[in-house]
């Protein structure tokens, strides 16, 4: 191999290495998202199998809740 081919091979390896370093965080994030989605699907399936239908928190009416007030310094 002559110098030109060695430099081209080195440059190609450097570009490939940088590509891997830049895409690795995104690939790890995708893997975590898929794992989370699978866990949510399993939890929903388990809840449906148990036959429990709970009302979501956002649609529940407030029961005797007083408004929150912050303490003031004297």
PDB file of N, CA and C in Angstrom:
ATOM      1  N   UNK A   1       0.847  -1.182   0.000  1.00  0.00           N
ATOM      2  CA  UNK A   1       0.000   0.000   0.000  1.00  0.00           C
ATOM      3  C   UNK A   1       0.887   1.237   0.000  1.00  0.00           C
ATOM      4  N   UNK A   2       0.468   2.188  -0.785  1.00  0.00           N
ATOM      5  CA  UNK A   2       1.210   3.442  -0.791  1.00  0.00           C
ATOM      6  C   UNK A   2       0.571   4.431   0.179  1.00  0.00           C
ATOM      7  N   UNK A   3       1.160   5.575   0.299  1.00  0.00           N
ATOM      8  CA  UNK A   3       0.750   6.568   1.298  1.00  0.00           C
ATOM      9  C   UNK A   3      -0.674   7.056   1.073  1.00  0.00           C
ATOM     10  N   UNK A   4      -1.070   7.239  -0.162  1.00  0.00           N
ATOM     11  CA  UNK A   4      -2.402   7.755  -0.462  1.00  0.00           C
ATOM     12  C   UNK A   4      -3.481   6.798   0.025  1.00  0.00           C
ATOM     13  N   UNK A   5      -3.299   5.517  -0.196  1.00  0.00           N
ATOM     14  CA  UNK A   5      -4.284   4.534   0.233  1.00  0.00           C
ATOM     15  C   UNK A   5      -4.351   4.435   1.756  1.00  0.00           C
ATOM     16  N   UNK A   6      -3.214   4.530   2.413  1.00  0.00           N
ATOM     17  CA  UNK A   6      -3.187   4.481   3.875  1.00  0.00           C
ATOM     18  C   UNK A   6      -3.899   5.700   4.452  1.00  0.00           C
ATOM     19  N   UNK A   7      -3.658   6.865   3.873  1.00  0.00           N
ATOM     20  CA  UNK A   7      -4.345   8.073   4.346  1.00  0.00           C
ATOM     21  C   UNK A   7      -5.852   7.975   4.110  1.00  0.00           C
ATOM     22  N   UNK A   8      -6.263   7.437   2.984  1.00  0.00           N
ATOM     23  CA  UNK A   8      -7.687   7.280   2.699  1.00  0.00           C
ATOM     24  C   UNK A   8      -8.321   6.299   3.681  1.00  0.00           C
ATOM     25  N   UNK A   9      -7.636   5.197   3.972  1.00  0.00           N
ATOM     26  CA  UNK A   9      -8.143   4.217   4.922  1.00  0.00           C
ATOM     27  C   UNK A   9      -8.248   4.825   6.318  1.00  0.00           C
ATOM     28  N   UNK A  10      -7.247   5.586   6.720  1.00  0.00           N
ATOM     29  CA  UNK A  10      -7.260   6.245   8.030  1.00  0.00           C
ATOM     30  C   UNK A  10      -8.403   7.257   8.110  1.00  0.00           C
ATOM     31  N   UNK A  11      -8.589   8.027   7.055  1.00  0.00           N
ATOM     32  CA  UNK A  11      -9.672   9.017   7.039  1.00  0.00           C
ATOM     33  C   UNK A  11     -11.032   8.336   7.086  1.00  0.00           C
ATOM     34  N   UNK A  12     -11.182   7.251   6.343  1.00  0.00           N
ATOM     35  CA  UNK A  12     -12.451   6.532   6.346  1.00  0.00           C
ATOM     36  C   UNK A  12     -12.734   5.950   7.727  1.00  0.00           C
ATOM     37  N   UNK A  13     -11.733   5.419   8.390  1.00  0.00           N
ATOM     38  CA  UNK A  13     -11.916   4.879   9.734  1.00  0.00           C
ATOM     39  C   UNK A  13     -12.275   5.987  10.715  1.00  0.00           C
ATOM     40  N   UNK A  14     -11.669   7.164  10.556  1.00  0.00           N
ATOM     41  CA  UNK A  14     -11.979   8.290  11.434  1.00  0.00           C
ATOM     42  C   UNK A  14     -13.420   8.748  11.243  1.00  0.00           C
ATOM     43  N   UNK A  15     -13.866   8.839   9.998  1.00  0.00           N
ATOM     44  CA  UNK A  15     -15.239   9.262   9.715  1.00  0.00           C
ATOM     45  C   UNK A  15     -16.226   8.236  10.268  1.00  0.00           C
ATOM     46  N   UNK A  16     -15.944   6.968  10.085  1.00  0.00           N
ATOM     47  CA  UNK A  16     -16.817   5.922  10.603  1.00  0.00           C
ATOM     48  C   UNK A  16     -16.870   5.977  12.140  1.00  0.00           C
ATOM     49  N   UNK A  17     -15.719   6.191  12.772  1.00  0.00           N
ATOM     50  CA  UNK A  17     -15.680   6.306  14.228  1.00  0.00           C
ATOM     51  C   UNK A  17     -16.484   7.490  14.730  1.00  0.00           C
ATOM     52  N   UNK A  18     -16.379   8.628  14.069  1.00  0.00           N
ATOM     53  CA  UNK A  18     -17.160   9.800  14.464  1.00  0.00           C
ATOM     54  C   UNK A  18     -18.654   9.569  14.251  1.00  0.00           C
ATOM     55  N   UNK A  19     -18.997   8.888  13.165  1.00  0.00           N
ATOM     56  CA  UNK A  19     -20.397   8.570  12.917  1.00  0.00           C
ATOM     57  C   UNK A  19     -20.959   7.701  14.033  1.00  0.00           C
ATOM     58  N   UNK A  20     -20.205   6.704  14.451  1.00  0.00           N
ATOM     59  CA  UNK A  20     -20.654   5.825  15.535  1.00  0.00           C
ATOM     60  C   UNK A  20     -20.794   6.617  16.831  1.00  0.00           C
ATOM     61  N   UNK A  21     -19.832   7.466  17.136  1.00  0.00           N
ATOM     62  CA  UNK A  21     -19.897   8.259  18.368  1.00  0.00           C
ATOM     63  C   UNK A  21     -21.081   9.219  18.371  1.00  0.00           C
ATOM     64  N   UNK A  22     -21.455   9.730  17.199  1.00  0.00           N
ATOM     65  CA  UNK A  22     -22.561  10.684  17.148  1.00  0.00           C
ATOM     66  C   UNK A  22     -23.916   9.987  17.162  1.00  0.00           C
ATOM     67  N   UNK A  23     -24.010   8.782  16.637  1.00  0.00           N
ATOM     68  CA  UNK A  23     -25.303   8.098  16.594  1.00  0.00           C
ATOM     69  C   UNK A  23     -25.551   7.217  17.816  1.00  0.00           C
ATOM     70  N   UNK A  24     -24.521   6.882  18.560  1.00  0.00           N
ATOM     71  CA  UNK A  24     -24.667   5.996  19.705  1.00  0.00           C
ATOM     72  C   UNK A  24     -25.654   6.521  20.755  1.00  0.00           C
ATOM     73  N   UNK A  25     -25.606   7.800  21.164  1.00  0.00           N
ATOM     74  CA  UNK A  25     -26.589   8.279  22.144  1.00  0.00           C
ATOM     75  C   UNK A  25     -28.031   8.168  21.651  1.00  0.00           C
ATOM     76  N   UNK A  26     -28.246   8.431  20.372  1.00  0.00           N
ATOM     77  CA  UNK A  26     -29.600   8.321  19.832  1.00  0.00           C
ATOM     78  C   UNK A  26     -30.064   6.869  19.844  1.00  0.00           C
ATOM     79  N   UNK A  27     -29.198   5.953  19.497  1.00  0.00           N
ATOM     80  CA  UNK A  27     -29.568   4.538  19.493  1.00  0.00           C
ATOM     81  C   UNK A  27     -29.856   4.033  20.903  1.00  0.00           C
ATOM     82  N   UNK A  28     -29.089   4.502  21.875  1.00  0.00           N
ATOM     83  CA  UNK A  28     -29.339   4.124  23.271  1.00  0.00           C
ATOM     84  C   UNK A  28     -30.685   4.682  23.724  1.00  0.00           C
ATOM     85  N   UNK A  29     -30.992   5.922  23.334  1.00  0.00           N
ATOM     86  CA  UNK A  29     -32.276   6.524  23.684  1.00  0.00           C
ATOM     87  C   UNK A  29     -33.448   5.771  23.071  1.00  0.00           C
ATOM     88  N   UNK A  30     -33.301   5.347  21.827  1.00  0.00           N
ATOM     89  CA  UNK A  30     -34.363   4.577  21.172  1.00  0.00           C
ATOM     90  C   UNK A  30     -34.582   3.264  21.906  1.00  0.00           C
ATOM     91  N   UNK A  31     -33.495   2.609  22.300  1.00  0.00           N
ATOM     92  CA  UNK A  31     -33.619   1.338  23.014  1.00  0.00           C
ATOM     93  C   UNK A  31     -34.332   1.530  24.355  1.00  0.00           C
ATOM     94  N   UNK A  32     -34.017   2.605  25.062  1.00  0.00           N
ATOM     95  CA  UNK A  32     -34.691   2.876  26.337  1.00  0.00           C
ATOM     96  C   UNK A  32     -36.170   3.169  26.135  1.00  0.00           C
ATOM     97  N   UNK A  33     -36.502   3.938  25.098  1.00  0.00           N
ATOM     98  CA  UNK A  33     -37.898   4.249  24.809  1.00  0.00           C
ATOM     99  C   UNK A  33     -38.684   2.981  24.496  1.00  0.00           C
ATOM    100  N   UNK A  34     -38.103   2.089  23.717  1.00  0.00           N
ATOM    101  CA  UNK A  34     -38.792   0.843  23.386  1.00  0.00           C
ATOM    102  C   UNK A  34     -39.004  -0.013  24.628  1.00  0.00           C
ATOM    103  N   UNK A  35     -37.994  -0.031  25.530  1.00  0.00           N
ATOM    104  CA  UNK A  35     -38.138  -0.798  26.766  1.00  0.00           C
ATOM    105  C   UNK A  35     -39.263  -0.210  27.620  1.00  0.00           C
ATOM    106  N   UNK A  36     -39.317   1.111  27.709  1.00  0.00           N
ATOM    107  CA  UNK A  36     -40.368   1.770  28.476  1.00  0.00           C
ATOM    108  C   UNK A  36     -41.744   1.479  27.874  1.00  0.00           C
ATOM    109  N   UNK A  37     -41.833   1.527  26.543  1.00  0.00           N
ATOM    110  CA  UNK A  37     -43.106   1.225  25.890  1.00  0.00           C
ATOM    111  C   UNK A  37     -43.553  -0.200  26.180  1.00  0.00           C
ATOM    112  N   UNK A  38     -42.622  -1.138  26.159  1.00  0.00           N
ATOM    113  CA  UNK A  38     -42.978  -2.526  26.456  1.00  0.00           C
ATOM    114  C   UNK A  38     -43.464  -2.665  27.896  1.00  0.00           C
ATOM    115  N   UNK A  39     -42.832  -1.963  28.833  1.00  0.00           N
ATOM    116  CA  UNK A  39     -43.251  -2.021  30.228  1.00  0.00           C
ATOM    117  C   UNK A  39     -44.649  -1.435  30.397  1.00  0.00           C
ATOM    118  N   UNK A  40     -44.941  -0.344  29.703  1.00  0.00           N
ATOM    119  CA  UNK A  40     -46.266   0.268  29.790  1.00  0.00           C
ATOM    120  C   UNK A  40     -47.314  -0.672  29.210  1.00  0.00           C
ATOM    121  N   UNK A  41     -47.007  -1.297  28.081  1.00  0.00           N
ATOM    122  CA  UNK A  41     -47.960  -2.230  27.465  1.00  0.00           C
ATOM    123  C   UNK A  41     -48.230  -3.416  28.380  1.00  0.00           C
ATOM    124  N   UNK A  42     -47.189  -3.934  29.038  1.00  0.00           N
ATOM    125  CA  UNK A  42     -47.385  -5.053  29.966  1.00  0.00           C
ATOM    126  C   UNK A  42     -48.254  -4.630  31.147  1.00  0.00           C
ATOM    127  N   UNK A  43     -48.019  -3.421  31.664  1.00  0.00           N
ATOM    128  CA  UNK A  43     -48.800  -2.945  32.803  1.00  0.00           C
ATOM    129  C   UNK A  43     -50.266  -2.750  32.410  1.00  0.00           C
ATOM    130  N   UNK A  44     -50.513  -2.214  31.215  1.00  0.00           N
ATOM    131  CA  UNK A  44     -51.886  -2.045  30.753  1.00  0.00           C
ATOM    132  C   UNK A  44     -52.561  -3.394  30.557  1.00  0.00           C
ATOM    133  N   UNK A  45     -51.846  -4.349  30.016  1.00  0.00           N
ATOM    134  CA  UNK A  45     -52.411  -5.683  29.812  1.00  0.00           C
ATOM    135  C   UNK A  45     -52.734  -6.341  31.154  1.00  0.00           C
ATOM    136  N   UNK A  46     -51.851  -6.161  32.131  1.00  0.00           N
ATOM    137  CA  UNK A  46     -52.091  -6.741  33.452  1.00  0.00           C
ATOM    138  C   UNK A  46     -53.303  -6.088  34.114  1.00  0.00           C
ATOM    139  N   UNK A  47     -53.438  -4.787  33.945  1.00  0.00           N
ATOM    140  CA  UNK A  47     -54.586  -4.085  34.531  1.00  0.00           C
ATOM    141  C   UNK A  47     -55.877  -4.535  33.860  1.00  0.00           C
ATOM    142  N   UNK A  48     -55.845  -4.701  32.545  1.00  0.00           N
ATOM    143  CA  UNK A  48     -57.041  -5.153  31.827  1.00  0.00           C
ATOM    144  C   UNK A  48     -57.383  -6.586  32.221  1.00  0.00           C
ATOM    145  N   UNK A  49     -56.375  -7.422  32.420  1.00  0.00           N
ATOM    146  CA  UNK A  49     -56.618  -8.811  32.802  1.00  0.00           C
ATOM    147  C   UNK A  49     -57.199  -8.890  34.211  1.00  0.00           C
ATOM    148  N   UNK A  50     -56.814  -7.970  35.068  1.00  0.00           N
ATOM    149  CA  UNK A  50     -57.326  -7.965  36.433  1.00  0.00           C
ATOM    150  C   UNK A  50     -58.763  -7.435  36.481  1.00  0.00           C
ATOM    151  N   UNK A  51     -59.195  -6.782  35.407  1.00  0.00           N
ATOM    152  CA  UNK A  51     -60.566  -6.294  35.358  1.00  0.00           C
ATOM    153  C   UNK A  51     -60.785  -5.003  36.107  1.00  0.00           C
ATOM    154  N   UNK A  52     -59.722  -4.369  36.551  1.00  0.00           N
ATOM    155  CA  UNK A  52     -59.878  -3.112  37.280  1.00  0.00           C
ATOM    156  C   UNK A  52     -59.887  -1.968  36.283  1.00  0.00           C
ATOM    157  N   UNK A  53     -60.897  -1.165  36.362  1.00  0.00           N
ATOM    158  CA  UNK A  53     -60.968   0.034  35.542  1.00  0.00           C
ATOM    159  C   UNK A  53     -60.981   1.222  36.487  1.00  0.00           C
ATOM    160  N   UNK A  54     -59.859   1.877  36.620  1.00  0.00           N
ATOM    161  CA  UNK A  54     -59.783   3.033  37.510  1.00  0.00           C
ATOM    162  C   UNK A  54     -59.986   4.303  36.710  1.00  0.00           C
ATOM    163  N   UNK A  55     -60.561   5.304  37.354  1.00  0.00           N
ATOM    164  CA  UNK A  55     -60.758   6.590  36.719  1.00  0.00           C
ATOM    165  C   UNK A  55     -59.425   7.318  36.725  1.00  0.00           C
ATOM    166  N   UNK A  56     -59.021   7.897  35.599  1.00  0.00           N
ATOM    167  CA  UNK A  56     -57.764   8.644  35.585  1.00  0.00           C
ATOM    168  C   UNK A  56     -57.788   9.807  36.564  1.00  0.00           C
ATOM    169  N   UNK A  57     -56.638  10.161  37.063  1.00  0.00           N
ATOM    170  CA  UNK A  57     -56.525  11.201  38.083  1.00  0.00           C
ATOM    171  C   UNK A  57     -57.054  12.532  37.571  1.00  0.00           C
ATOM    172  N   UNK A  58     -56.829  12.855  36.320  1.00  0.00           N
ATOM    173  CA  UNK A  58     -57.219  14.154  35.786  1.00  0.00           C
ATOM    174  C   UNK A  58     -58.738  14.318  35.752  1.00  0.00           C
ATOM    175  N   UNK A  59     -59.503  13.244  35.639  1.00  0.00           N
ATOM    176  CA  UNK A  59     -60.949  13.374  35.527  1.00  0.00           C
ATOM    177  C   UNK A  59     -61.670  13.226  36.864  1.00  0.00           C
ATOM    178  N   UNK A  60     -60.951  13.002  37.940  1.00  0.00           N
ATOM    179  CA  UNK A  60     -61.579  12.906  39.252  1.00  0.00           C
ATOM    180  C   UNK A  60     -61.920  14.300  39.776  1.00  0.00           C
ATOM    181  N   UNK A  61     -63.096  14.461  40.375  1.00  0.00           N
ATOM    182  CA  UNK A  61     -63.419  15.770  40.946  1.00  0.00           C
ATOM    183  C   UNK A  61     -62.668  15.970  42.266  1.00  0.00           C
ATOM    184  N   UNK A  62     -62.399  17.216  42.572  1.00  0.00           N
ATOM    185  CA  UNK A  62     -61.730  17.534  43.825  1.00  0.00           C
ATOM    186  C   UNK A  62     -62.705  17.321  44.973  1.00  0.00           C
ATOM    187  N   UNK A  63     -62.261  16.634  46.011  1.00  0.00           N
ATOM    188  CA  UNK A  63     -63.136  16.354  47.148  1.00  0.00           C
ATOM    189  C   UNK A  63     -62.616  17.076  48.381  1.00  0.00           C
ATOM    190  N   UNK A  64     -63.217  18.199  48.677  1.00  0.00           N
ATOM    191  CA  UNK A  64     -62.861  18.938  49.880  1.00  0.00           C
ATOM    192  C   UNK A  64     -61.444  19.489  49.889  1.00  0.00           C
ATOM    193  N   UNK A  65     -60.907  19.741  48.736  1.00  0.00           N
ATOM    194  CA  UNK A  65     -59.544  20.248  48.672  1.00  0.00           C
ATOM    195  C   UNK A  65     -59.550  21.754  48.830  1.00  0.00           C
ATOM    196  N   UNK A  66     -58.822  22.236  49.802  1.00  0.00           N
ATOM    197  CA  UNK A  66     -58.701  23.676  50.004  1.00  0.00           C
ATOM    198  C   UNK A  66     -57.570  24.195  49.121  1.00  0.00           C
ATOM    199  N   UNK A  67     -57.668  25.444  48.663  1.00  0.00           N
ATOM    200  CA  UNK A  67     -56.578  25.986  47.839  1.00  0.00           C
ATOM    201  C   UNK A  67     -55.303  26.092  48.642  1.00  0.00           C
ATOM    202  N   UNK A  68     -54.198  25.855  48.000  1.00  0.00           N
ATOM    203  CA  UNK A  68     -52.906  25.911  48.674  1.00  0.00           C
ATOM    204  C   UNK A  68     -52.468  27.358  48.793  1.00  0.00           C
ATOM    205  N   UNK A  69     -51.960  27.693  49.976  1.00  0.00           N
ATOM    206  CA  UNK A  69     -51.452  29.034  50.180  1.00  0.00           C
ATOM    207  C   UNK A  69     -50.031  28.927  50.686  1.00  0.00           C
ATOM    208  N   UNK A  70     -49.193  29.805  50.193  1.00  0.00           N
ATOM    209  CA  UNK A  70     -47.797  29.773  50.624  1.00  0.00           C
ATOM    210  C   UNK A  70     -47.618  30.596  51.896  1.00  0.00           C
ATOM    211  N   UNK A  71     -46.665  30.209  52.694  1.00  0.00           N
ATOM    212  CA  UNK A  71     -46.392  30.944  53.934  1.00  0.00           C
ATOM    213  C   UNK A  71     -45.635  32.216  53.620  1.00  0.00           C
ATOM    214  N   UNK A  72     -45.983  33.257  54.357  1.00  0.00           N
ATOM    215  CA  UNK A  72     -45.305  34.543  54.149  1.00  0.00           C
ATOM    216  C   UNK A  72     -44.341  34.794  55.295  1.00  0.00           C
ATOM    217  N   UNK A  73     -43.229  35.400  54.946  1.00  0.00           N
ATOM    218  CA  UNK A  73     -42.230  35.714  55.969  1.00  0.00           C
ATOM    219  C   UNK A  73     -42.737  36.875  56.824  1.00  0.00           C
ATOM    220  N   UNK A  74     -42.427  36.849  58.114  1.00  0.00           N
ATOM    221  CA  UNK A  74     -42.902  37.871  59.036  1.00  0.00           C
ATOM    222  C   UNK A  74     -42.127  39.141  58.919  1.00  0.00           C
TER     223      UNK A  74
END
